[in-house]
C-alpha cells in the first residue's frame, strides 16, 4: 500500500492523501468487506470524500470504473522510475 500512496490521485493528479478500497465482487469482497490491501486506488481527499458522498455509480460515470483505475495503478507500479517520468 505504501507504494500506491506515492502515486497521484487517479482523478486529478494531485498528491494521494487517501487510499480507496473498492468493494467489488471480482475482488472477492462486497458490502461490509474491504478489498485486500493490495487492491487500493490512490485518491486525494476531495475525490475520496466525493466517492462516498455520491456513491459508486455516479462517481464511476464521472471518473471511470474503479477496476480500470486499479489496473492502471498496478501497471504504473510495475514501471521503473525512468518509465514513470517519461509517461507521467
N, C-alpha and C. Protein backbone atom coordinates (compact mmCIF):
# COMPACT_ATOMS: atom_id res chain seq x y z
N UNK A 1 0.82 -1.20 0.00
CA UNK A 1 0.00 0.00 0.00
C UNK A 1 0.86 1.25 0.00
N UNK A 2 2.03 1.19 0.59
CA UNK A 2 2.88 2.36 0.67
C UNK A 2 3.25 2.85 -0.72
N UNK A 3 3.58 1.93 -1.62
CA UNK A 3 3.96 2.34 -2.97
C UNK A 3 2.78 2.97 -3.70
N UNK A 4 1.58 2.47 -3.49
CA UNK A 4 0.40 3.06 -4.12
C UNK A 4 0.20 4.48 -3.62
N UNK A 5 0.47 4.71 -2.35
CA UNK A 5 0.29 6.04 -1.77
C UNK A 5 1.25 7.07 -2.38
N UNK A 6 2.30 6.61 -3.05
CA UNK A 6 3.23 7.50 -3.73
C UNK A 6 2.70 7.96 -5.08
N UNK A 7 1.67 7.29 -5.59
CA UNK A 7 1.08 7.67 -6.88
C UNK A 7 0.14 8.86 -6.68
N UNK A 8 -0.10 9.63 -7.73
CA UNK A 8 -1.06 10.73 -7.62
C UNK A 8 -2.51 10.24 -7.65
N UNK A 9 -3.41 11.10 -7.29
CA UNK A 9 -4.84 10.83 -7.37
C UNK A 9 -5.19 10.45 -8.81
N UNK A 10 -5.98 9.39 -8.98
CA UNK A 10 -6.33 8.93 -10.32
C UNK A 10 -7.28 9.89 -11.04
N UNK A 11 -7.89 10.81 -10.31
CA UNK A 11 -8.85 11.75 -10.92
C UNK A 11 -8.21 13.07 -11.34
N UNK A 12 -7.26 13.56 -10.53
CA UNK A 12 -6.78 14.92 -10.77
C UNK A 12 -5.26 15.08 -10.74
N UNK A 13 -4.55 14.01 -10.46
CA UNK A 13 -3.08 14.01 -10.39
C UNK A 13 -2.51 14.81 -9.22
N UNK A 14 -3.36 15.26 -8.29
CA UNK A 14 -2.83 15.87 -7.07
C UNK A 14 -2.23 14.75 -6.22
N UNK A 15 -1.43 15.10 -5.22
CA UNK A 15 -0.85 14.04 -4.38
C UNK A 15 -1.92 13.19 -3.70
N UNK A 16 -1.63 11.91 -3.58
CA UNK A 16 -2.54 10.98 -2.92
C UNK A 16 -2.58 11.31 -1.43
N UNK A 17 -3.78 11.39 -0.90
CA UNK A 17 -3.96 11.62 0.53
C UNK A 17 -4.64 10.44 1.20
N UNK A 18 -5.39 9.66 0.43
CA UNK A 18 -6.14 8.55 0.98
C UNK A 18 -6.15 7.41 -0.02
N UNK A 19 -6.22 6.20 0.50
CA UNK A 19 -6.30 5.01 -0.35
C UNK A 19 -7.72 4.46 -0.28
N UNK A 20 -8.30 4.28 -1.44
CA UNK A 20 -9.68 3.80 -1.53
C UNK A 20 -9.67 2.29 -1.75
N UNK A 21 -10.43 1.57 -0.92
CA UNK A 21 -10.60 0.13 -1.07
C UNK A 21 -11.89 -0.13 -1.84
N UNK A 22 -11.80 -0.47 -3.14
CA UNK A 22 -13.04 -0.76 -3.88
C UNK A 22 -13.72 -2.01 -3.33
N UNK A 23 -15.02 -1.95 -3.27
CA UNK A 23 -15.79 -3.14 -2.88
C UNK A 23 -16.39 -3.70 -4.17
N UNK A 24 -15.83 -4.79 -4.61
CA UNK A 24 -16.23 -5.36 -5.89
C UNK A 24 -16.18 -6.87 -5.80
N UNK A 25 -17.21 -7.52 -6.28
CA UNK A 25 -17.27 -8.98 -6.21
C UNK A 25 -16.12 -9.63 -6.96
N UNK A 26 -15.59 -8.95 -7.99
CA UNK A 26 -14.46 -9.50 -8.74
C UNK A 26 -13.21 -9.58 -7.87
N UNK A 27 -13.18 -8.80 -6.78
CA UNK A 27 -12.05 -8.82 -5.86
C UNK A 27 -12.32 -9.73 -4.66
N UNK A 28 -13.47 -10.38 -4.67
CA UNK A 28 -13.82 -11.27 -3.58
C UNK A 28 -14.37 -10.55 -2.37
N UNK A 29 -14.93 -9.38 -2.59
CA UNK A 29 -15.50 -8.63 -1.47
C UNK A 29 -16.77 -7.93 -1.92
N UNK A 30 -17.53 -7.50 -0.96
CA UNK A 30 -18.78 -6.81 -1.26
C UNK A 30 -19.15 -5.94 -0.07
N UNK A 31 -20.41 -5.73 0.12
CA UNK A 31 -20.88 -4.90 1.23
C UNK A 31 -20.35 -5.44 2.55
N UNK A 32 -19.77 -4.57 3.35
CA UNK A 32 -19.29 -4.96 4.66
C UNK A 32 -17.91 -5.59 4.67
N UNK A 33 -17.31 -5.77 3.50
CA UNK A 33 -15.97 -6.38 3.42
C UNK A 33 -15.09 -5.52 2.54
N UNK A 34 -13.95 -5.07 3.09
CA UNK A 34 -12.99 -4.29 2.30
C UNK A 34 -12.23 -5.20 1.35
N UNK A 35 -11.72 -4.60 0.30
CA UNK A 35 -10.88 -5.34 -0.62
C UNK A 35 -9.52 -5.57 0.05
N UNK A 36 -8.74 -6.53 -0.47
CA UNK A 36 -7.41 -6.78 0.09
C UNK A 36 -6.53 -5.53 0.00
N UNK A 37 -5.51 -5.48 0.85
CA UNK A 37 -4.65 -4.29 0.90
C UNK A 37 -3.87 -4.04 -0.39
N UNK A 38 -3.72 -5.04 -1.23
CA UNK A 38 -3.01 -4.82 -2.49
C UNK A 38 -3.93 -4.33 -3.60
N UNK A 39 -5.18 -4.10 -3.27
CA UNK A 39 -6.14 -3.60 -4.26
C UNK A 39 -6.72 -2.28 -3.77
N UNK A 40 -5.90 -1.25 -3.82
CA UNK A 40 -6.33 0.08 -3.40
C UNK A 40 -6.08 1.08 -4.52
N UNK A 41 -6.85 2.15 -4.50
CA UNK A 41 -6.77 3.19 -5.53
C UNK A 41 -6.33 4.49 -4.86
N UNK A 42 -5.30 5.16 -5.40
CA UNK A 42 -4.86 6.41 -4.80
C UNK A 42 -5.81 7.56 -5.15
N UNK A 43 -6.28 8.27 -4.12
CA UNK A 43 -7.18 9.41 -4.32
C UNK A 43 -6.77 10.56 -3.40
N UNK A 44 -7.05 11.78 -3.85
CA UNK A 44 -6.92 12.93 -2.95
C UNK A 44 -8.15 12.91 -2.04
N UNK A 45 -8.10 13.68 -0.98
CA UNK A 45 -9.20 13.69 -0.02
C UNK A 45 -10.51 14.11 -0.69
N UNK A 46 -10.44 15.12 -1.57
CA UNK A 46 -11.64 15.61 -2.25
C UNK A 46 -12.34 14.49 -3.01
N UNK A 47 -11.60 13.73 -3.82
CA UNK A 47 -12.22 12.69 -4.65
C UNK A 47 -12.63 11.47 -3.84
N UNK A 48 -11.94 11.18 -2.76
CA UNK A 48 -12.35 10.07 -1.89
C UNK A 48 -13.65 10.43 -1.17
N UNK A 49 -13.70 11.64 -0.64
CA UNK A 49 -14.94 12.09 0.01
C UNK A 49 -16.10 12.11 -0.98
N UNK A 50 -15.83 12.58 -2.21
CA UNK A 50 -16.87 12.63 -3.23
C UNK A 50 -17.40 11.24 -3.54
N UNK A 51 -16.51 10.25 -3.61
CA UNK A 51 -16.94 8.88 -3.88
C UNK A 51 -17.98 8.44 -2.84
N UNK A 52 -17.65 8.67 -1.58
CA UNK A 52 -18.55 8.21 -0.51
C UNK A 52 -19.80 9.08 -0.39
N UNK A 53 -19.72 10.30 -0.88
CA UNK A 53 -20.90 11.19 -0.83
C UNK A 53 -21.90 10.87 -1.94
N UNK A 54 -21.40 10.66 -3.18
CA UNK A 54 -22.33 10.47 -4.31
C UNK A 54 -22.57 9.00 -4.66
N UNK A 55 -21.68 8.11 -4.21
CA UNK A 55 -21.86 6.69 -4.47
C UNK A 55 -21.08 6.19 -5.68
N UNK A 56 -21.00 4.88 -5.77
CA UNK A 56 -20.19 4.21 -6.79
C UNK A 56 -20.60 4.54 -8.22
N UNK A 57 -21.88 4.34 -8.55
CA UNK A 57 -22.30 4.51 -9.95
C UNK A 57 -22.09 5.94 -10.46
N UNK A 58 -22.56 6.98 -9.73
CA UNK A 58 -22.33 8.34 -10.23
C UNK A 58 -20.84 8.69 -10.32
N UNK A 59 -20.05 8.22 -9.33
CA UNK A 59 -18.62 8.51 -9.34
C UNK A 59 -17.95 7.86 -10.56
N UNK A 60 -18.32 6.60 -10.84
CA UNK A 60 -17.73 5.91 -11.99
C UNK A 60 -18.17 6.53 -13.32
N UNK A 61 -19.38 7.05 -13.39
CA UNK A 61 -19.81 7.74 -14.62
C UNK A 61 -18.97 9.00 -14.84
N UNK A 62 -18.61 9.65 -13.76
CA UNK A 62 -17.85 10.90 -13.84
C UNK A 62 -16.35 10.66 -14.07
N UNK A 63 -15.76 9.64 -13.42
CA UNK A 63 -14.31 9.45 -13.43
C UNK A 63 -13.83 8.14 -14.04
N UNK A 64 -14.72 7.24 -14.34
CA UNK A 64 -14.32 5.94 -14.88
C UNK A 64 -14.44 4.85 -13.83
N UNK A 65 -14.44 3.61 -14.29
CA UNK A 65 -14.64 2.48 -13.40
C UNK A 65 -13.45 2.29 -12.46
N UNK A 66 -13.77 1.94 -11.23
CA UNK A 66 -12.74 1.71 -10.22
C UNK A 66 -11.75 0.64 -10.67
N UNK A 67 -12.24 -0.43 -11.28
CA UNK A 67 -11.36 -1.52 -11.70
C UNK A 67 -10.36 -1.05 -12.75
N UNK A 68 -10.76 -0.11 -13.62
CA UNK A 68 -9.82 0.44 -14.60
C UNK A 68 -8.73 1.24 -13.90
N UNK A 69 -9.10 2.02 -12.89
CA UNK A 69 -8.11 2.79 -12.13
C UNK A 69 -7.17 1.85 -11.37
N UNK A 70 -7.71 0.78 -10.84
CA UNK A 70 -6.90 -0.20 -10.13
C UNK A 70 -5.89 -0.85 -11.08
N UNK A 71 -6.34 -1.23 -12.26
CA UNK A 71 -5.44 -1.82 -13.27
C UNK A 71 -4.34 -0.83 -13.66
N UNK A 72 -4.72 0.44 -13.86
CA UNK A 72 -3.74 1.46 -14.24
C UNK A 72 -2.69 1.66 -13.14
N UNK A 73 -3.13 1.68 -11.89
CA UNK A 73 -2.19 1.84 -10.78
C UNK A 73 -1.21 0.67 -10.74
N UNK A 74 -1.72 -0.54 -10.97
CA UNK A 74 -0.84 -1.72 -10.98
C UNK A 74 0.19 -1.64 -12.09
N UNK A 75 -0.21 -1.18 -13.27
CA UNK A 75 0.73 -1.05 -14.39
C UNK A 75 1.80 -0.01 -14.06
N UNK A 76 1.39 1.12 -13.51
CA UNK A 76 2.35 2.18 -13.17
C UNK A 76 3.34 1.68 -12.13
N UNK A 77 2.88 0.92 -11.15
CA UNK A 77 3.77 0.41 -10.12
C UNK A 77 4.82 -0.55 -10.67
N UNK A 78 4.50 -1.21 -11.78
CA UNK A 78 5.46 -2.13 -12.39
C UNK A 78 6.51 -1.39 -13.23
N UNK A 79 6.26 -0.12 -13.55
CA UNK A 79 7.20 0.66 -14.34
C UNK A 79 8.39 1.09 -13.48
N UNK A 80 9.52 1.31 -14.15
CA UNK A 80 10.67 1.87 -13.45
C UNK A 80 10.43 3.36 -13.24
N UNK A 81 11.23 3.98 -12.40
CA UNK A 81 11.10 5.42 -12.18
C UNK A 81 11.32 6.19 -13.48
N UNK A 82 12.25 5.72 -14.30
CA UNK A 82 12.52 6.36 -15.58
C UNK A 82 11.28 6.31 -16.48
N UNK A 83 10.65 5.14 -16.58
CA UNK A 83 9.45 4.99 -17.40
C UNK A 83 8.32 5.88 -16.87
N UNK A 84 8.18 5.95 -15.55
CA UNK A 84 7.13 6.81 -14.97
C UNK A 84 7.36 8.26 -15.34
N UNK A 85 8.62 8.69 -15.33
CA UNK A 85 8.94 10.07 -15.69
C UNK A 85 8.59 10.35 -17.15
N UNK A 86 8.81 9.37 -18.03
CA UNK A 86 8.51 9.54 -19.45
C UNK A 86 7.01 9.59 -19.73
N UNK A 87 6.26 8.73 -19.07
CA UNK A 87 4.86 8.58 -19.38
C UNK A 87 3.92 9.23 -18.38
N UNK A 88 4.50 9.81 -17.31
CA UNK A 88 3.77 10.56 -16.30
C UNK A 88 2.49 9.98 -15.92
